Amino acid sequence: MDKEDNRLVYLDSSVLIDFYRKVNKEKSFFSFLLKDYDLFSVSVVTQYEVYTGADTLRKAFRDNFFINIVIVPFTSPLIFTSILIERALKLKRKSIDFRDLAIAATALHNREPFATMNAKHFINIDGLELIIPSSY
C-alpha cells in the first residue's frame, strides 16, 4: 500500500501498549503501521484502557499521542452496532468483553481497518477488517 492513499486505521489498545513498552520503538507493530498509514484513530474506550495503565513517566508521552489522533466517542449508533455484533457472536456461541466489543464496533461501524495484536478477541466478528502483526 502506498502511504499517499492517506488511509485511516483504527488502533486497539494492544498496539499502543506494545509501542509504549518496547525499548526499540522501531520493532513495534505501530512502527510497521506507520509505513502504510498516516491517519490513526481510536475509540474513547481504547483511550480509557491506555490511560488506566499509564504510569507517571509515560503519561506525558500518551497525552502527546492522543492530541494527534482522532478519538471517536461511544455514541448511540455504536451501541446499536455493538448489539448487532454481540447477537452475531452469540449465534456462533462466542463472546468478547464489553470494552473489546465497543472498540470493534467503532471500526466496524465506520468501515475502517482495525489493527490489533489480539486477533483472537476479534476474529469472530463478521465484516471487521483486521490488521494483525502476522500480516506484516
N, C-alpha and C. Protein backbone atom coordinates (compact mmCIF):
# COMPACT_ATOMS: atom_id res chain seq x y z
N MET A 1 0.84 -1.18 0.00
CA MET A 1 0.00 0.00 0.00
C MET A 1 0.88 1.24 0.00
N ASP A 2 0.48 2.21 -0.73
CA ASP A 2 1.21 3.47 -0.82
C ASP A 2 0.68 4.44 0.23
N LYS A 3 1.59 5.06 0.98
CA LYS A 3 1.19 5.98 2.04
C LYS A 3 0.42 7.18 1.50
N GLU A 4 0.53 7.45 0.22
CA GLU A 4 -0.20 8.56 -0.40
C GLU A 4 -1.71 8.35 -0.36
N ASP A 5 -2.15 7.11 -0.10
CA ASP A 5 -3.57 6.81 -0.04
C ASP A 5 -4.24 7.48 1.15
N ASN A 6 -3.47 7.89 2.17
CA ASN A 6 -4.00 8.52 3.38
C ASN A 6 -5.10 7.68 4.02
N ARG A 7 -4.92 6.40 4.06
CA ARG A 7 -5.91 5.53 4.67
C ARG A 7 -5.85 5.62 6.18
N LEU A 8 -7.01 5.51 6.76
CA LEU A 8 -7.16 5.55 8.21
C LEU A 8 -7.20 4.13 8.75
N VAL A 9 -6.59 3.93 9.90
CA VAL A 9 -6.68 2.65 10.59
C VAL A 9 -7.03 2.93 12.05
N TYR A 10 -7.96 2.13 12.58
CA TYR A 10 -8.29 2.19 14.00
C TYR A 10 -7.30 1.34 14.76
N LEU A 11 -6.89 1.82 15.91
CA LEU A 11 -5.91 1.12 16.72
C LEU A 11 -6.53 0.54 17.98
N ASP A 12 -6.20 -0.69 18.26
CA ASP A 12 -6.57 -1.32 19.51
C ASP A 12 -5.56 -0.91 20.58
N SER A 13 -5.95 -0.96 21.81
CA SER A 13 -5.03 -0.62 22.89
C SER A 13 -3.80 -1.53 22.91
N SER A 14 -3.94 -2.77 22.45
CA SER A 14 -2.79 -3.68 22.44
C SER A 14 -1.65 -3.14 21.57
N VAL A 15 -1.99 -2.46 20.49
CA VAL A 15 -0.97 -1.89 19.60
C VAL A 15 -0.23 -0.75 20.30
N LEU A 16 -0.97 0.07 21.00
CA LEU A 16 -0.36 1.21 21.70
C LEU A 16 0.44 0.77 22.91
N ILE A 17 -0.07 -0.18 23.65
CA ILE A 17 0.66 -0.68 24.83
C ILE A 17 1.96 -1.32 24.40
N ASP A 18 1.93 -2.10 23.32
CA ASP A 18 3.16 -2.69 22.78
C ASP A 18 4.17 -1.61 22.43
N PHE A 19 3.71 -0.54 21.79
CA PHE A 19 4.59 0.56 21.40
C PHE A 19 5.22 1.22 22.63
N TYR A 20 4.41 1.50 23.64
CA TYR A 20 4.92 2.16 24.84
C TYR A 20 5.92 1.30 25.58
N ARG A 21 5.71 -0.01 25.58
CA ARG A 21 6.57 -0.92 26.33
C ARG A 21 7.89 -1.24 25.63
N LYS A 22 7.91 -1.16 24.31
CA LYS A 22 9.11 -1.52 23.57
C LYS A 22 10.21 -0.48 23.78
N VAL A 23 11.39 -0.95 24.10
CA VAL A 23 12.54 -0.06 24.20
C VAL A 23 12.92 0.43 22.81
N ASN A 24 12.98 -0.51 21.87
CA ASN A 24 13.26 -0.18 20.48
C ASN A 24 11.92 0.01 19.76
N LYS A 25 11.46 1.23 19.69
CA LYS A 25 10.14 1.55 19.11
C LYS A 25 10.03 1.09 17.65
N GLU A 26 11.14 1.04 16.93
CA GLU A 26 11.11 0.64 15.53
C GLU A 26 10.69 -0.81 15.34
N LYS A 27 10.74 -1.61 16.41
CA LYS A 27 10.34 -3.02 16.33
C LYS A 27 8.90 -3.23 16.78
N SER A 28 8.19 -2.15 17.04
CA SER A 28 6.80 -2.28 17.47
C SER A 28 5.88 -2.44 16.25
N PHE A 29 4.73 -3.02 16.47
CA PHE A 29 3.73 -3.18 15.42
C PHE A 29 3.27 -1.81 14.92
N PHE A 30 3.15 -0.85 15.81
CA PHE A 30 2.75 0.50 15.42
C PHE A 30 3.74 1.10 14.42
N SER A 31 5.03 0.87 14.62
CA SER A 31 6.04 1.36 13.67
C SER A 31 5.84 0.77 12.29
N PHE A 32 5.45 -0.50 12.22
CA PHE A 32 5.15 -1.12 10.92
C PHE A 32 3.92 -0.45 10.29
N LEU A 33 2.93 -0.13 11.11
CA LEU A 33 1.73 0.53 10.60
C LEU A 33 2.04 1.92 10.05
N LEU A 34 3.00 2.60 10.67
CA LEU A 34 3.39 3.94 10.21
C LEU A 34 3.92 3.94 8.78
N LYS A 35 4.40 2.79 8.32
CA LYS A 35 4.91 2.70 6.96
C LYS A 35 3.79 2.72 5.92
N ASP A 36 2.61 2.25 6.31
CA ASP A 36 1.49 2.14 5.37
C ASP A 36 0.36 3.12 5.63
N TYR A 37 0.28 3.63 6.83
CA TYR A 37 -0.83 4.51 7.20
C TYR A 37 -0.27 5.80 7.80
N ASP A 38 -1.02 6.87 7.61
CA ASP A 38 -0.62 8.11 8.28
C ASP A 38 -1.78 8.75 9.02
N LEU A 39 -2.94 8.10 8.99
CA LEU A 39 -4.10 8.57 9.73
C LEU A 39 -4.51 7.49 10.73
N PHE A 40 -4.63 7.86 11.99
CA PHE A 40 -4.94 6.90 13.04
C PHE A 40 -6.09 7.40 13.89
N SER A 41 -6.85 6.44 14.39
CA SER A 41 -7.98 6.77 15.24
C SER A 41 -8.13 5.70 16.30
N VAL A 42 -8.77 6.06 17.40
CA VAL A 42 -9.07 5.11 18.45
C VAL A 42 -10.46 5.39 18.99
N SER A 43 -11.04 4.37 19.56
CA SER A 43 -12.27 4.54 20.31
C SER A 43 -11.91 5.21 21.64
N VAL A 44 -12.85 5.96 22.19
CA VAL A 44 -12.64 6.53 23.52
C VAL A 44 -12.39 5.42 24.54
N VAL A 45 -12.89 4.23 24.27
CA VAL A 45 -12.67 3.09 25.15
C VAL A 45 -11.19 2.68 25.11
N THR A 46 -10.58 2.74 23.94
CA THR A 46 -9.15 2.46 23.83
C THR A 46 -8.35 3.50 24.61
N GLN A 47 -8.74 4.74 24.50
CA GLN A 47 -8.06 5.79 25.27
C GLN A 47 -8.15 5.49 26.77
N TYR A 48 -9.32 5.08 27.22
CA TYR A 48 -9.51 4.71 28.62
C TYR A 48 -8.56 3.58 29.01
N GLU A 49 -8.51 2.52 28.19
CA GLU A 49 -7.66 1.37 28.51
C GLU A 49 -6.19 1.76 28.59
N VAL A 50 -5.76 2.60 27.69
CA VAL A 50 -4.35 3.02 27.67
C VAL A 50 -4.02 3.85 28.91
N TYR A 51 -4.91 4.78 29.26
CA TYR A 51 -4.65 5.63 30.43
C TYR A 51 -4.72 4.89 31.75
N THR A 52 -5.54 3.85 31.84
CA THR A 52 -5.61 3.12 33.11
C THR A 52 -4.31 2.40 33.40
N GLY A 53 -3.52 2.14 32.37
CA GLY A 53 -2.23 1.50 32.57
C GLY A 53 -1.06 2.48 32.57
N ALA A 54 -1.33 3.77 32.50
CA ALA A 54 -0.27 4.77 32.37
C ALA A 54 0.39 5.06 33.71
N ASP A 55 1.71 5.00 33.73
CA ASP A 55 2.43 5.46 34.91
C ASP A 55 2.79 6.93 34.69
N THR A 56 3.30 7.56 35.71
CA THR A 56 3.59 9.00 35.64
C THR A 56 4.60 9.33 34.54
N LEU A 57 5.60 8.49 34.36
CA LEU A 57 6.64 8.76 33.37
C LEU A 57 6.10 8.72 31.94
N ARG A 58 5.16 7.83 31.69
CA ARG A 58 4.66 7.67 30.33
C ARG A 58 3.40 8.48 30.04
N LYS A 59 2.80 9.09 31.05
CA LYS A 59 1.56 9.83 30.85
C LYS A 59 1.74 10.99 29.87
N ALA A 60 2.81 11.75 29.97
CA ALA A 60 3.04 12.87 29.05
C ALA A 60 3.19 12.37 27.62
N PHE A 61 3.89 11.26 27.45
CA PHE A 61 4.06 10.67 26.12
C PHE A 61 2.70 10.30 25.54
N ARG A 62 1.83 9.71 26.35
CA ARG A 62 0.50 9.30 25.90
C ARG A 62 -0.37 10.52 25.63
N ASP A 63 -0.25 11.55 26.47
CA ASP A 63 -1.00 12.78 26.23
C ASP A 63 -0.69 13.35 24.85
N ASN A 64 0.58 13.39 24.51
CA ASN A 64 1.00 13.92 23.21
C ASN A 64 0.48 13.06 22.06
N PHE A 65 0.47 11.75 22.26
CA PHE A 65 -0.02 10.85 21.22
C PHE A 65 -1.50 11.12 20.94
N PHE A 66 -2.30 11.20 21.99
CA PHE A 66 -3.74 11.35 21.81
C PHE A 66 -4.14 12.72 21.28
N ILE A 67 -3.27 13.70 21.39
CA ILE A 67 -3.54 15.01 20.80
C ILE A 67 -3.55 14.93 19.27
N ASN A 68 -2.75 14.01 18.73
CA ASN A 68 -2.54 13.95 17.29
C ASN A 68 -3.40 12.95 16.54
N ILE A 69 -4.35 12.31 17.20
CA ILE A 69 -5.20 11.36 16.50
C ILE A 69 -6.67 11.65 16.82
N VAL A 70 -7.54 11.05 16.05
CA VAL A 70 -8.97 11.21 16.26
C VAL A 70 -9.43 10.21 17.32
N ILE A 71 -10.13 10.72 18.31
CA ILE A 71 -10.71 9.86 19.35
C ILE A 71 -12.22 9.86 19.11
N VAL A 72 -12.75 8.67 18.82
CA VAL A 72 -14.15 8.53 18.47
C VAL A 72 -14.97 8.23 19.73
N PRO A 73 -15.96 9.07 20.03
CA PRO A 73 -16.79 8.82 21.21
C PRO A 73 -17.69 7.60 21.01
N PHE A 74 -18.12 7.00 22.10
CA PHE A 74 -19.04 5.86 22.04
C PHE A 74 -20.45 6.42 22.05
N THR A 75 -21.06 6.45 20.87
CA THR A 75 -22.36 7.10 20.67
C THR A 75 -23.47 6.07 20.48
N SER A 76 -24.68 6.55 20.40
CA SER A 76 -25.84 5.68 20.23
C SER A 76 -25.73 4.77 18.99
N PRO A 77 -25.31 5.26 17.83
CA PRO A 77 -25.15 4.35 16.68
C PRO A 77 -24.15 3.22 16.97
N LEU A 78 -23.11 3.52 17.74
CA LEU A 78 -22.13 2.49 18.07
C LEU A 78 -22.70 1.47 19.05
N ILE A 79 -23.60 1.91 19.91
CA ILE A 79 -24.27 0.97 20.81
C ILE A 79 -25.04 -0.05 19.99
N PHE A 80 -25.76 0.42 18.97
CA PHE A 80 -26.54 -0.50 18.14
C PHE A 80 -25.65 -1.42 17.31
N THR A 81 -24.51 -0.91 16.85
CA THR A 81 -23.55 -1.77 16.16
C THR A 81 -23.02 -2.83 17.13
N SER A 82 -22.74 -2.44 18.35
CA SER A 82 -22.27 -3.39 19.37
C SER A 82 -23.30 -4.48 19.61
N ILE A 83 -24.56 -4.11 19.67
CA ILE A 83 -25.63 -5.08 19.88
C ILE A 83 -25.69 -6.08 18.73
N LEU A 84 -25.57 -5.58 17.51
CA LEU A 84 -25.59 -6.48 16.35
C LEU A 84 -24.41 -7.44 16.38
N ILE A 85 -23.23 -6.94 16.74
CA ILE A 85 -22.05 -7.81 16.84
C ILE A 85 -22.27 -8.86 17.91
N GLU A 86 -22.76 -8.43 19.06
CA GLU A 86 -22.96 -9.36 20.17
C GLU A 86 -23.96 -10.46 19.80
N ARG A 87 -25.04 -10.10 19.13
CA ARG A 87 -26.03 -11.10 18.69
C ARG A 87 -25.42 -12.09 17.71
N ALA A 88 -24.64 -11.58 16.78
CA ALA A 88 -23.99 -12.47 15.80
C ALA A 88 -23.00 -13.40 16.48
N LEU A 89 -22.28 -12.90 17.46
CA LEU A 89 -21.35 -13.75 18.20
C LEU A 89 -22.08 -14.83 18.99
N LYS A 90 -23.20 -14.47 19.59
CA LYS A 90 -23.98 -15.46 20.35
C LYS A 90 -24.45 -16.60 19.46
N LEU A 91 -24.81 -16.29 18.22
CA LEU A 91 -25.21 -17.34 17.28
C LEU A 91 -24.06 -18.31 17.01
N LYS A 92 -22.83 -17.81 17.14
CA LYS A 92 -21.64 -18.65 16.95
C LYS A 92 -21.17 -19.25 18.28
N ARG A 93 -21.92 -18.96 19.36
CA ARG A 93 -21.55 -19.39 20.71
C ARG A 93 -20.19 -18.81 21.13
N LYS A 94 -20.02 -17.54 20.78
CA LYS A 94 -18.81 -16.80 21.11
C LYS A 94 -19.20 -15.54 21.88
N SER A 95 -18.25 -14.97 22.57
CA SER A 95 -18.48 -13.69 23.24
C SER A 95 -17.13 -13.00 23.44
N ILE A 96 -17.19 -11.69 23.64
CA ILE A 96 -16.00 -10.92 23.96
C ILE A 96 -16.36 -9.92 25.04
N ASP A 97 -15.36 -9.42 25.71
CA ASP A 97 -15.51 -8.41 26.74
C ASP A 97 -16.19 -7.17 26.16
N PHE A 98 -16.99 -6.48 26.98
CA PHE A 98 -17.71 -5.30 26.50
C PHE A 98 -16.77 -4.25 25.93
N ARG A 99 -15.63 -4.03 26.57
CA ARG A 99 -14.71 -3.00 26.05
C ARG A 99 -14.24 -3.36 24.66
N ASP A 100 -13.88 -4.63 24.44
CA ASP A 100 -13.47 -5.07 23.10
C ASP A 100 -14.63 -4.94 22.11
N LEU A 101 -15.82 -5.24 22.56
CA LEU A 101 -17.00 -5.12 21.72
C LEU A 101 -17.19 -3.67 21.28
N ALA A 102 -17.07 -2.73 22.20
CA ALA A 102 -17.23 -1.31 21.89
C ALA A 102 -16.14 -0.81 20.95
N ILE A 103 -14.92 -1.27 21.17
CA ILE A 103 -13.80 -0.86 20.32
C ILE A 103 -14.00 -1.39 18.90
N ALA A 104 -14.37 -2.66 18.78
CA ALA A 104 -14.59 -3.26 17.46
C ALA A 104 -15.76 -2.60 16.75
N ALA A 105 -16.81 -2.26 17.49
CA ALA A 105 -17.98 -1.62 16.89
C ALA A 105 -17.60 -0.29 16.26
N THR A 106 -16.66 0.42 16.86
CA THR A 106 -16.21 1.70 16.32
C THR A 106 -15.61 1.53 14.93
N ALA A 107 -14.71 0.57 14.79
CA ALA A 107 -14.07 0.33 13.49
C ALA A 107 -15.07 -0.22 12.48
N LEU A 108 -15.88 -1.17 12.91
CA LEU A 108 -16.84 -1.80 12.00
C LEU A 108 -17.88 -0.79 11.52
N HIS A 109 -18.42 -0.01 12.42
CA HIS A 109 -19.44 0.99 12.07
C HIS A 109 -18.90 1.99 11.04
N ASN A 110 -17.63 2.36 11.19
CA ASN A 110 -17.02 3.35 10.30
C ASN A 110 -16.35 2.71 9.09
N ARG A 111 -16.44 1.40 8.98
CA ARG A 111 -15.91 0.63 7.84
C ARG A 111 -14.43 0.92 7.58
N GLU A 112 -13.68 0.89 8.66
CA GLU A 112 -12.24 1.12 8.55
C GLU A 112 -11.49 -0.10 9.09
N PRO A 113 -10.28 -0.34 8.62
CA PRO A 113 -9.50 -1.46 9.14
C PRO A 113 -9.14 -1.24 10.61
N PHE A 114 -8.93 -2.35 11.29
CA PHE A 114 -8.70 -2.34 12.73
C PHE A 114 -7.41 -3.10 13.04
N ALA A 115 -6.43 -2.41 13.59
CA ALA A 115 -5.14 -3.03 13.92
C ALA A 115 -5.16 -3.49 15.37
N THR A 116 -4.81 -4.75 15.57
CA THR A 116 -4.77 -5.32 16.91
C THR A 116 -3.68 -6.37 16.99
N MET A 117 -3.20 -6.59 18.19
CA MET A 117 -2.27 -7.67 18.44
C MET A 117 -2.99 -8.84 19.10
N ASN A 118 -4.29 -8.68 19.32
CA ASN A 118 -5.12 -9.70 19.96
C ASN A 118 -6.19 -10.19 18.99
N ALA A 119 -5.77 -10.77 17.90
CA ALA A 119 -6.72 -11.22 16.87
C ALA A 119 -7.76 -12.17 17.44
N LYS A 120 -7.38 -13.00 18.40
CA LYS A 120 -8.33 -13.98 18.95
C LYS A 120 -9.54 -13.31 19.60
N HIS A 121 -9.40 -12.08 20.05
CA HIS A 121 -10.52 -11.35 20.63
C HIS A 121 -11.53 -10.92 19.57
N PHE A 122 -11.07 -10.73 18.34
CA PHE A 122 -11.89 -10.08 17.32
C PHE A 122 -12.15 -10.93 16.07
N ILE A 123 -11.51 -12.06 15.95
CA ILE A 123 -11.53 -12.86 14.73
C ILE A 123 -12.93 -13.33 14.34
N ASN A 124 -13.83 -13.45 15.29
CA ASN A 124 -15.17 -13.97 15.01
C ASN A 124 -16.18 -12.89 14.64
N ILE A 125 -15.73 -11.65 14.49
CA ILE A 125 -16.63 -10.55 14.15
C ILE A 125 -16.68 -10.41 12.63
N ASP A 126 -17.83 -10.75 12.08
CA ASP A 126 -18.02 -10.68 10.63
C ASP A 126 -17.89 -9.24 10.13
N GLY A 127 -17.16 -9.08 9.04
CA GLY A 127 -17.04 -7.78 8.39
C GLY A 127 -15.97 -6.88 8.95
N LEU A 128 -15.33 -7.28 10.05
CA LEU A 128 -14.28 -6.46 10.64
C LEU A 128 -12.96 -6.77 9.94
N GLU A 129 -12.37 -5.77 9.30
CA GLU A 129 -11.10 -5.95 8.59
C GLU A 129 -9.96 -5.84 9.59
N LEU A 130 -9.37 -6.96 9.93
CA LEU A 130 -8.29 -7.00 10.91
C LEU A 130 -6.93 -6.83 10.25
N ILE A 131 -6.10 -6.05 10.90
CA ILE A 131 -4.70 -5.95 10.54
C ILE A 131 -3.94 -6.45 11.77
N ILE A 132 -3.20 -7.51 11.58
CA ILE A 132 -2.50 -8.15 12.70
C ILE A 132 -1.02 -8.27 12.38
N PRO A 133 -0.19 -8.43 13.41
CA PRO A 133 1.27 -8.48 13.16
C PRO A 133 1.69 -9.53 12.14
N SER A 134 1.03 -10.66 12.08
CA SER A 134 1.45 -11.70 11.13
C SER A 134 1.21 -11.28 9.67
N SER A 135 0.42 -10.21 9.47
CA SER A 135 0.18 -9.75 8.10
C SER A 135 1.30 -8.82 7.64
N TYR A 136 2.31 -8.60 8.47
CA TYR A 136 3.45 -7.76 8.09
C TYR A 136 4.70 -8.58 7.93
